[in-house]
């Protein structure tokens, strides 16, 4: 027999001889029989080693196989409904490829700082593997959603000469003889020209925010997906955002049953994510909060407590629209019925997860956009290319952005974004 098998395929190989390589999650043995929980391909399987069924070298390898040691095994796949995946391996030979000595993350309790210092190893734990599997499914579903709807992937630059919404929360770096460049906080501005070329586009990649925030909802580096569509009005945008959230949640429920179970996620909360979402205008949301005892005033922005309070009034995500233009970015289209309000939306997730989507219809009138740039004291020359979109065949268009980490945290039911990205970057952490 040539080649190596993987754990996810073992269910189809019951009764056959298999060969596996992987890492020891746990090991226990008595005088006659031993067990190893073997990890490979993000999954685990139990190895059963009977002393009378293996040679002395295999039995010695079992005794030396400490936590996170690398082993190679040959055996038979046997059905066992009590085992993860419904299969265990009855071993005929076991070899120690590499013995791990003194693995620092043991079954005892460790503090968050210790685990983050060892993030490169903490990723191997069952909880972290489960979260990353959910993240992987969400990312694949993001691409599938857009492909099924005729969107083209367009990669926006990471280094930009100007900010989308001012430079106060941007990472700055010298850029040869061109002055300073900034790490992108959004690909949106670059998607708008692409929408004129391809109609429906999206970007998906890392973005950066230099906000001096230490909350569980913030990272300095995170991944964001941003669709942008030509001739999409605000009503169409609200429907797109709603469809997107429902689609992604459905994919997680369909393909991530095992990691959700491991995380002890209450999936009934995810099953409630269905259309239609409740819709509140900003003014209605203010009334709701004041009715709950908040002292918030019209014109105030929502923070985490306000978002949580709004979401708690509903059993599924809620969409808040028509914010005051003073609270929103320069490029957002004013409501034609009340220009003091922006055609903007936020989707707020329940369970304290906060805003997961923010978007708007974009200003498509050249002169209005120019005046807004001046109001925000932004350098006109740096945005001349952006104004050009409105000079040469302007068109109605809309889009939104969704941070992947917040969405994954909501799906997985984890409280802190640091567990939803392989290597989190926060105000106090850039290692490892």
Protein backbone atom coordinates (compact mmCIF):
# COMPACT_ATOMS: atom_id res chain seq x y z
CA UNK A 1 0.00 0.00 0.00
CA UNK A 2 1.40 3.42 -0.93
CA UNK A 3 0.49 6.89 0.25
CA UNK A 4 -0.96 8.22 3.47
CA UNK A 5 -4.53 8.60 4.59
CA UNK A 6 -6.19 11.52 6.40
CA UNK A 7 -8.61 11.37 9.32
CA UNK A 8 -11.57 13.04 7.57
CA UNK A 9 -11.68 10.24 4.99
CA UNK A 10 -11.63 7.34 7.47
CA UNK A 11 -15.42 6.97 7.59
CA UNK A 12 -15.30 5.62 4.03
CA UNK A 13 -12.42 3.24 4.80
CA UNK A 14 -13.90 1.04 7.55
CA UNK A 15 -12.37 -2.43 7.41
CA UNK A 16 -9.41 -1.31 5.33
CA UNK A 17 -5.77 -0.92 6.25
CA UNK A 18 -4.80 2.70 6.68
CA UNK A 19 -1.62 4.70 7.26
CA UNK A 20 -1.62 7.95 9.20
CA UNK A 21 0.87 10.54 10.35
CA UNK A 22 -0.05 13.07 13.01
CA UNK A 23 0.41 14.49 16.48
CA UNK A 24 -0.43 13.12 19.90
CA UNK A 25 -3.21 15.07 21.59
CA UNK A 26 -3.45 12.70 24.55
CA UNK A 27 -2.06 9.32 25.52
CA UNK A 28 -2.86 6.74 28.17
CA UNK A 29 -1.86 3.12 28.63
CA UNK A 30 -1.97 0.20 31.01
CA UNK A 31 0.10 -2.95 31.01
CA UNK A 32 -1.74 -4.50 28.10
CA UNK A 33 -3.42 -1.78 26.08
CA UNK A 34 -2.79 1.83 25.15
CA UNK A 35 -4.75 4.68 23.58
CA UNK A 36 -3.63 7.74 21.64
CA UNK A 37 -5.84 10.58 20.52
CA UNK A 38 -4.19 11.40 17.21
CA UNK A 39 -4.63 14.79 15.50
CA UNK A 40 -4.31 15.29 11.75
CA UNK A 41 -6.06 17.48 9.15
CA UNK A 42 -7.79 19.42 11.94
CA UNK A 43 -9.54 16.28 13.22
CA UNK A 44 -8.79 13.54 15.76
CA UNK A 45 -9.11 9.77 15.87
CA UNK A 46 -8.48 7.28 18.64
CA UNK A 47 -5.69 4.76 18.18
CA UNK A 48 -6.03 1.49 20.08
CA UNK A 49 -2.73 -0.32 20.67
CA UNK A 50 -2.85 -3.85 22.11
CA UNK A 51 0.47 -5.09 23.40
CA UNK A 52 -0.11 -8.59 22.03
CA UNK A 53 -0.94 -7.21 18.56
CA UNK A 54 2.17 -5.06 18.03
CA UNK A 55 5.90 -5.61 18.17
CA UNK A 56 8.11 -4.38 21.00
CA UNK A 57 9.28 -1.31 19.05
CA UNK A 58 5.69 -0.16 18.57
CA UNK A 59 4.90 -0.64 22.25
CA UNK A 60 8.01 1.34 23.22
CA UNK A 61 6.99 4.09 20.80
CA UNK A 62 3.65 4.31 22.60
CA UNK A 63 5.40 4.79 25.94
CA UNK A 64 7.60 7.55 24.47
CA UNK A 65 4.81 9.38 22.65
CA UNK A 66 4.41 12.45 24.83
CA UNK A 67 1.92 15.25 24.12
CA UNK A 68 2.51 16.76 20.64
CA UNK A 69 4.98 14.07 19.60
CA UNK A 70 4.80 13.19 15.91
CA UNK A 71 3.94 9.57 15.12
CA UNK A 72 3.28 7.35 12.11
CA UNK A 73 0.81 4.50 12.39
CA UNK A 74 -0.48 1.57 10.38
CA UNK A 75 -3.70 -0.16 11.35
CA UNK A 76 -7.28 -1.01 10.49
CA UNK A 77 -10.19 1.40 10.52
CA UNK A 78 -12.94 0.00 12.76
CA UNK A 79 -16.44 1.43 13.17
CA UNK A 80 -17.14 2.74 16.66
CA UNK A 81 -20.14 5.07 17.16
CA UNK A 82 -18.69 6.34 20.43
CA UNK A 83 -15.59 7.74 18.75
CA UNK A 84 -15.27 11.13 17.00
CA UNK A 85 -16.17 10.53 13.38
CA UNK A 86 -17.52 7.08 14.25
CA UNK A 87 -14.16 5.36 13.62
CA UNK A 88 -11.16 4.22 15.63
CA UNK A 89 -7.90 2.65 14.48
CA UNK A 90 -6.71 -0.74 15.70
CA UNK A 91 -2.96 -0.37 15.39
CA UNK A 92 -0.64 -2.96 13.88
CA UNK A 93 2.51 -0.78 14.04
CA UNK A 94 3.43 2.57 15.57
CA UNK A 95 6.60 4.61 15.01
CA UNK A 96 7.78 7.69 16.87
CA UNK A 97 8.81 10.24 14.24
CA UNK A 98 9.71 12.95 16.75
CA UNK A 99 9.35 13.05 20.52
CA UNK A 100 8.17 16.40 21.90
CA UNK A 101 9.76 17.25 25.21
CA UNK A 102 8.14 19.59 27.73
CA UNK A 103 5.27 20.91 25.61
CA UNK A 104 4.30 24.15 27.43
CA UNK A 105 0.50 24.05 26.98
CA UNK A 106 -0.75 21.28 29.25
CA UNK A 107 -4.32 20.30 30.21
CA UNK A 108 -4.14 22.61 33.26
CA UNK A 109 -5.52 26.16 33.20
CA UNK A 110 -3.37 28.85 31.58
CA UNK A 111 -3.89 32.60 31.59
CA UNK A 112 -4.77 34.53 28.43
CA UNK A 113 -1.37 36.28 28.31
CA UNK A 114 0.46 32.94 28.47
CA UNK A 115 -1.71 31.45 25.76
CA UNK A 116 -1.25 34.48 23.52
CA UNK A 117 2.53 34.35 24.00
CA UNK A 118 2.27 30.75 22.77
CA UNK A 119 -0.33 31.43 20.09
CA UNK A 120 1.71 29.44 17.57
CA UNK A 121 1.15 26.39 19.76
CA UNK A 122 -2.26 27.29 21.19
CA UNK A 123 -3.66 26.95 17.66
CA UNK A 124 -3.33 23.18 18.10
CA UNK A 125 -5.89 23.03 20.92
CA UNK A 126 -9.35 21.63 20.21
CA UNK A 127 -11.16 24.93 20.83
CA UNK A 128 -8.87 26.95 18.60
CA UNK A 129 -9.04 24.34 15.84
CA UNK A 130 -12.83 24.47 15.99
CA UNK A 131 -12.89 28.26 15.66
CA UNK A 132 -10.44 28.21 12.75
CA UNK A 133 -12.51 25.56 10.97
CA UNK A 134 -15.54 27.82 11.25
CA UNK A 135 -13.48 30.73 9.96
CA UNK A 136 -12.33 28.67 6.99
CA UNK A 137 -15.93 27.79 6.12
CA UNK A 138 -17.04 31.41 6.43
CA UNK A 139 -14.24 32.56 4.12
CA UNK A 140 -15.10 29.93 1.51
CA UNK A 141 -18.79 30.83 1.76
CA UNK A 142 -17.95 34.50 1.19
CA UNK A 143 -16.36 33.65 -2.15
CA UNK A 144 -19.18 31.27 -3.09
CA UNK A 145 -21.89 33.83 -2.29
CA UNK A 146 -20.36 36.40 -4.58
CA UNK A 147 -19.50 33.99 -7.38
CA UNK A 148 -23.07 32.64 -7.40
CA UNK A 149 -24.36 36.21 -7.83
CA UNK A 150 -22.00 37.22 -10.62
CA UNK A 151 -19.52 39.31 -8.61
CA UNK A 152 -15.89 39.59 -9.67
CA UNK A 153 -13.05 39.48 -7.14
CA UNK A 154 -10.93 42.65 -7.35
CA UNK A 155 -7.86 42.99 -5.14
CA UNK A 156 -7.54 46.45 -3.60
CA UNK A 157 -4.13 47.82 -2.61
CA UNK A 158 -2.83 47.57 0.94
CA UNK A 159 -0.66 50.69 0.63
CA UNK A 160 -2.67 53.81 -0.17
CA UNK A 161 -1.75 57.49 -0.61
CA UNK A 162 -4.78 58.78 1.32
CA UNK A 163 -7.31 57.69 3.88
CA UNK A 164 -10.93 56.70 3.32
CA UNK A 165 -12.16 58.56 6.38
CA UNK A 166 -9.30 60.71 7.67
CA UNK A 167 -5.84 59.69 8.91
CA UNK A 168 -6.37 59.64 12.68
CA UNK A 169 -6.72 55.85 12.85
CA UNK A 170 -4.26 54.84 10.14
CA UNK A 171 -0.84 53.22 10.26
CA UNK A 172 1.60 55.50 8.44
CA UNK A 173 4.82 54.57 6.68
CA UNK A 174 7.35 56.50 4.55
CA UNK A 175 7.03 55.72 0.85
CA UNK A 176 10.29 56.60 -0.95
CA UNK A 177 10.09 60.11 -2.48
CA UNK A 178 6.29 60.24 -2.37
CA UNK A 179 5.83 61.25 1.26
CA UNK A 180 3.79 59.00 3.51
CA UNK A 181 1.63 56.04 2.61
CA UNK A 182 -0.98 54.36 4.78
CA UNK A 183 -2.00 50.79 5.44
CA UNK A 184 -5.48 50.48 4.01
CA UNK A 185 -8.50 50.64 6.30
CA UNK A 186 -10.86 49.72 3.45
CA UNK A 187 -10.75 48.69 -0.18
CA UNK A 188 -14.02 50.46 -0.95
CA UNK A 189 -12.71 53.54 -2.77
CA UNK A 190 -10.78 51.31 -5.17
CA UNK A 191 -13.79 49.08 -5.75
CA UNK A 192 -15.96 51.93 -7.00
CA UNK A 193 -13.93 52.41 -10.23
CA UNK A 194 -13.88 48.62 -10.65
CA UNK A 195 -17.69 48.58 -10.45
CA UNK A 196 -17.75 50.81 -13.53
CA UNK A 197 -15.54 48.25 -15.28
CA UNK A 198 -17.14 45.00 -14.14
CA UNK A 199 -20.52 45.93 -12.69
CA UNK A 200 -20.50 43.84 -9.50
CA UNK A 201 -17.23 43.44 -7.61
CA UNK A 202 -15.86 42.59 -4.19
CA UNK A 203 -12.56 42.61 -2.38
CA UNK A 204 -11.51 40.39 0.49
CA UNK A 205 -8.30 40.91 2.39
CA UNK A 206 -6.53 42.38 5.41
CA UNK A 207 -7.33 45.88 6.62
CA UNK A 208 -5.75 47.97 9.34
CA UNK A 209 -7.11 50.34 11.98
CA UNK A 210 -4.82 52.19 14.38
CA UNK A 211 -7.60 52.78 16.88
CA UNK A 212 -6.30 52.90 20.42
CA UNK A 213 -8.90 50.45 21.58
CA UNK A 214 -8.44 47.46 23.88
CA UNK A 215 -11.97 46.10 23.73
CA UNK A 216 -12.77 42.50 22.87
CA UNK A 217 -14.37 43.71 19.62
CA UNK A 218 -11.28 45.38 18.13
CA UNK A 219 -8.13 44.27 16.36
CA UNK A 220 -5.45 46.38 14.68
CA UNK A 221 -5.39 44.00 11.71
CA UNK A 222 -8.45 42.14 10.52
CA UNK A 223 -9.95 40.71 7.34
CA UNK A 224 -12.82 42.44 5.61
CA UNK A 225 -15.06 41.57 2.68
CA UNK A 226 -16.52 44.46 0.72
CA UNK A 227 -18.98 44.09 -2.17
CA UNK A 228 -19.72 47.07 -4.41
CA UNK A 229 -22.32 47.07 -7.19
CA UNK A 230 -23.19 49.46 -10.00
CA UNK A 231 -26.82 50.56 -10.25
CA UNK A 232 -27.58 49.15 -6.79
CA UNK A 233 -29.80 51.49 -4.80
CA UNK A 234 -30.17 51.63 -1.03
CA UNK A 235 -33.13 49.25 -0.89
CA UNK A 236 -31.19 46.72 -2.94
CA UNK A 237 -28.23 47.14 -0.61
CA UNK A 238 -30.31 46.30 2.47
CA UNK A 239 -31.53 43.14 0.76
CA UNK A 240 -28.00 42.18 -0.27
CA UNK A 241 -26.70 42.56 3.30
CA UNK A 242 -29.59 40.51 4.64
CA UNK A 243 -29.10 37.73 2.08
CA UNK A 244 -25.36 37.68 2.79
CA UNK A 245 -25.72 37.15 6.53
CA UNK A 246 -28.38 34.47 6.11
CA UNK A 247 -26.25 32.64 3.51
CA UNK A 248 -23.10 32.63 5.64
CA UNK A 249 -24.93 31.50 8.77
CA UNK A 250 -26.58 28.71 6.81
CA UNK A 251 -23.22 27.48 5.56
CA UNK A 252 -21.82 27.38 9.08
CA UNK A 253 -24.82 25.39 10.31
CA UNK A 254 -24.58 23.00 7.37
CA UNK A 255 -20.84 22.36 7.35
CA UNK A 256 -19.59 23.06 10.89
CA UNK A 257 -21.76 20.85 13.10
CA UNK A 258 -18.75 19.17 14.71
CA UNK A 259 -16.80 22.33 15.66
CA UNK A 260 -20.01 24.02 16.84
CA UNK A 261 -20.70 21.03 19.10
CA UNK A 262 -17.16 21.07 20.46
CA UNK A 263 -17.57 24.78 21.28
CA UNK A 264 -20.92 23.99 22.94
CA UNK A 265 -22.54 26.60 20.72
CA UNK A 266 -26.30 27.02 21.12
CA UNK A 267 -27.21 26.48 17.47
CA UNK A 268 -30.84 27.49 18.04
CA UNK A 269 -29.56 31.08 18.13
CA UNK A 270 -28.01 30.59 14.71
CA UNK A 271 -31.10 28.87 13.31
CA UNK A 272 -33.05 32.05 14.14
CA UNK A 273 -30.98 34.00 11.57
CA UNK A 274 -33.57 34.24 8.83
CA UNK A 275 -35.25 36.87 6.71
CA UNK A 276 -36.63 39.40 7.18
CA UNK A 277 -34.38 41.26 9.60
CA UNK A 278 -36.03 43.94 11.73
CA UNK A 279 -35.29 47.39 10.34
CA UNK A 280 -35.03 50.53 12.45
CA UNK A 281 -34.22 54.03 11.37
CA UNK A 282 -31.60 55.70 13.54
CA UNK A 283 -34.28 57.91 15.13
CA UNK A 284 -36.33 54.82 16.03
CA UNK A 285 -33.26 53.20 17.54
CA UNK A 286 -32.72 56.32 19.66
CA UNK A 287 -36.32 56.08 20.86
CA UNK A 288 -35.83 52.40 21.66
CA UNK A 289 -32.72 53.13 23.73
CA UNK A 290 -34.34 56.00 25.59
CA UNK A 291 -37.29 53.77 26.33
CA UNK A 292 -34.81 51.36 27.95
CA UNK A 293 -33.54 54.16 30.19
CA UNK A 294 -30.57 55.39 28.13
CA UNK A 295 -29.67 59.08 28.20
CA UNK A 296 -28.56 59.01 24.55
CA UNK A 297 -29.53 61.99 22.39
CA UNK A 298 -30.26 62.28 18.68
CA UNK A 299 -26.92 62.88 17.00
CA UNK A 300 -24.94 60.64 19.37
CA UNK A 301 -23.15 57.65 17.91
CA UNK A 302 -23.74 54.12 19.14
CA UNK A 303 -21.08 52.40 21.21
CA UNK A 304 -20.94 48.76 22.27
CA UNK A 305 -23.51 49.16 25.11
CA UNK A 306 -26.04 50.79 22.77
CA UNK A 307 -25.54 48.17 20.06
CA UNK A 308 -26.01 45.40 22.60
CA UNK A 309 -29.19 47.00 23.96
CA UNK A 310 -30.67 47.42 20.48
CA UNK A 311 -29.91 43.81 19.54
CA UNK A 312 -31.38 42.42 22.76
CA UNK A 313 -34.82 43.64 21.67
CA UNK A 314 -34.84 41.13 18.77
CA UNK A 315 -34.22 37.44 18.17
CA UNK A 316 -32.11 37.93 15.04
CA UNK A 317 -29.83 40.59 13.53
CA UNK A 318 -31.31 44.07 13.31
CA UNK A 319 -30.61 46.62 10.58
CA UNK A 320 -30.30 50.28 11.59
CA UNK A 321 -30.54 52.80 8.76
CA UNK A 322 -30.73 56.55 7.98
CA UNK A 323 -28.06 57.86 10.33
CA UNK A 324 -27.33 61.58 10.59
CA UNK A 325 -24.79 62.53 7.92
CA UNK A 326 -22.64 64.05 10.70
CA UNK A 327 -21.95 60.55 12.00
CA UNK A 328 -20.99 59.01 8.69
CA UNK A 329 -18.22 59.15 6.09
CA UNK A 330 -17.95 61.84 3.42
CA UNK A 331 -18.90 59.54 0.54
CA UNK A 332 -22.34 58.45 1.79
CA UNK A 333 -25.37 59.51 -0.25
CA UNK A 334 -27.81 61.85 1.56
CA UNK A 335 -31.43 60.77 1.78
CA UNK A 336 -33.27 62.73 -0.95
CA UNK A 337 -36.23 63.16 1.41
CA UNK A 338 -34.03 64.53 4.22
CA UNK A 339 -30.44 65.46 3.27
CA UNK A 340 -29.46 65.63 6.95
CA UNK A 341 -29.67 61.81 6.95
CA UNK A 342 -27.40 59.39 5.10
CA UNK A 343 -28.54 56.34 3.14
CA UNK A 344 -26.40 54.24 5.46
CA UNK A 345 -26.96 50.94 7.20
CA UNK A 346 -25.45 48.94 10.02
CA UNK A 347 -26.32 45.31 10.73
CA UNK A 348 -26.09 44.63 14.47
CA UNK A 349 -25.77 41.02 15.59
CA UNK A 350 -27.32 39.68 18.79
CA UNK A 351 -25.55 38.13 21.79
CA UNK A 352 -23.39 41.19 22.34
CA UNK A 353 -21.51 40.84 19.06
CA UNK A 354 -22.25 44.37 17.88
CA UNK A 355 -22.03 45.77 14.37
CA UNK A 356 -21.01 43.18 11.80
CA UNK A 357 -21.84 45.11 8.61
CA UNK A 358 -21.63 48.78 7.72
CA UNK A 359 -22.50 50.20 4.33
CA UNK A 360 -24.24 52.84 2.28
CA UNK A 361 -25.29 54.10 -1.06
CA UNK A 362 -22.42 56.23 -2.39
CA UNK A 363 -22.58 59.82 -3.57
CA UNK A 364 -22.57 59.76 -7.37
CA UNK A 365 -22.84 63.52 -7.98
CA UNK A 366 -19.43 65.07 -8.64
CA UNK A 367 -20.08 68.48 -7.14
CA UNK A 368 -21.71 67.11 -4.02
CA UNK A 369 -18.81 64.76 -3.43
CA UNK A 370 -16.34 67.60 -3.95
CA UNK A 371 -18.13 69.73 -1.38
CA UNK A 372 -18.12 66.86 1.10
CA UNK A 373 -14.38 66.36 0.66
CA UNK A 374 -13.87 70.04 1.47
CA UNK A 375 -16.17 69.83 4.50
CA UNK A 376 -14.07 66.97 5.85
CA UNK A 377 -10.86 68.87 5.13
CA UNK A 378 -9.50 66.10 2.92
CA UNK A 379 -6.84 66.82 0.25
CA UNK A 380 -8.63 67.24 -3.07
CA UNK A 381 -5.58 66.32 -5.15
CA UNK A 382 -5.30 62.96 -3.37
CA UNK A 383 -8.91 62.16 -4.25
CA UNK A 384 -8.92 63.47 -7.82
CA UNK A 385 -9.00 59.94 -9.20
CA UNK A 386 -11.99 59.20 -6.98
CA UNK A 387 -13.78 62.29 -8.28
CA UNK A 388 -13.05 61.16 -11.85
CA UNK A 389 -15.55 58.31 -11.40
CA UNK A 390 -18.23 60.98 -11.17
CA UNK A 391 -16.89 62.93 -14.16
CA UNK A 392 -16.90 60.11 -16.69
CA UNK A 393 -20.21 58.26 -16.73
CA UNK A 394 -21.34 58.58 -13.13
CA UNK A 395 -23.73 55.94 -11.85
CA UNK A 396 -25.74 55.02 -8.77
CA UNK A 397 -23.86 52.46 -6.67
CA UNK A 398 -23.76 50.97 -3.20
CA UNK A 399 -21.72 48.63 -1.05
CA UNK A 400 -20.86 47.48 2.45
CA UNK A 401 -18.05 45.99 4.50
CA UNK A 402 -18.06 43.06 6.91
CA UNK A 403 -15.25 42.16 9.30
CA UNK A 404 -14.70 38.41 9.20
CA UNK A 405 -13.50 38.15 12.80
CA UNK A 406 -16.65 39.66 14.30
CA UNK A 407 -18.81 37.39 12.19
CA UNK A 408 -16.81 34.30 13.17
CA UNK A 409 -16.92 35.29 16.85
CA UNK A 410 -20.70 35.46 16.59
CA UNK A 411 -21.00 32.11 14.81
CA UNK A 412 -18.61 30.36 17.20
CA UNK A 413 -19.97 32.01 20.33
CA UNK A 414 -16.53 33.17 21.49
CA UNK A 415 -16.29 36.44 23.41
CA UNK A 416 -13.02 37.88 22.09
CA UNK A 417 -11.84 38.48 18.52
CA UNK A 418 -8.33 37.35 19.39
CA UNK A 419 -9.54 33.73 19.06
CA UNK A 420 -10.99 34.22 15.59
CA UNK A 421 -7.80 35.10 13.70
CA UNK A 422 -4.68 32.93 13.65
CA UNK A 423 -2.29 35.65 14.88
CA UNK A 424 -4.12 38.60 16.47
CA UNK A 425 -2.64 42.08 16.42
CA UNK A 426 -3.78 44.29 19.28
CA UNK A 427 -2.49 47.49 20.91
CA UNK A 428 -0.26 45.50 23.23
CA UNK A 429 0.61 42.51 21.05
CA UNK A 430 2.54 41.90 17.85
CA UNK A 431 4.24 38.62 18.94
CA UNK A 432 4.32 35.96 17.66
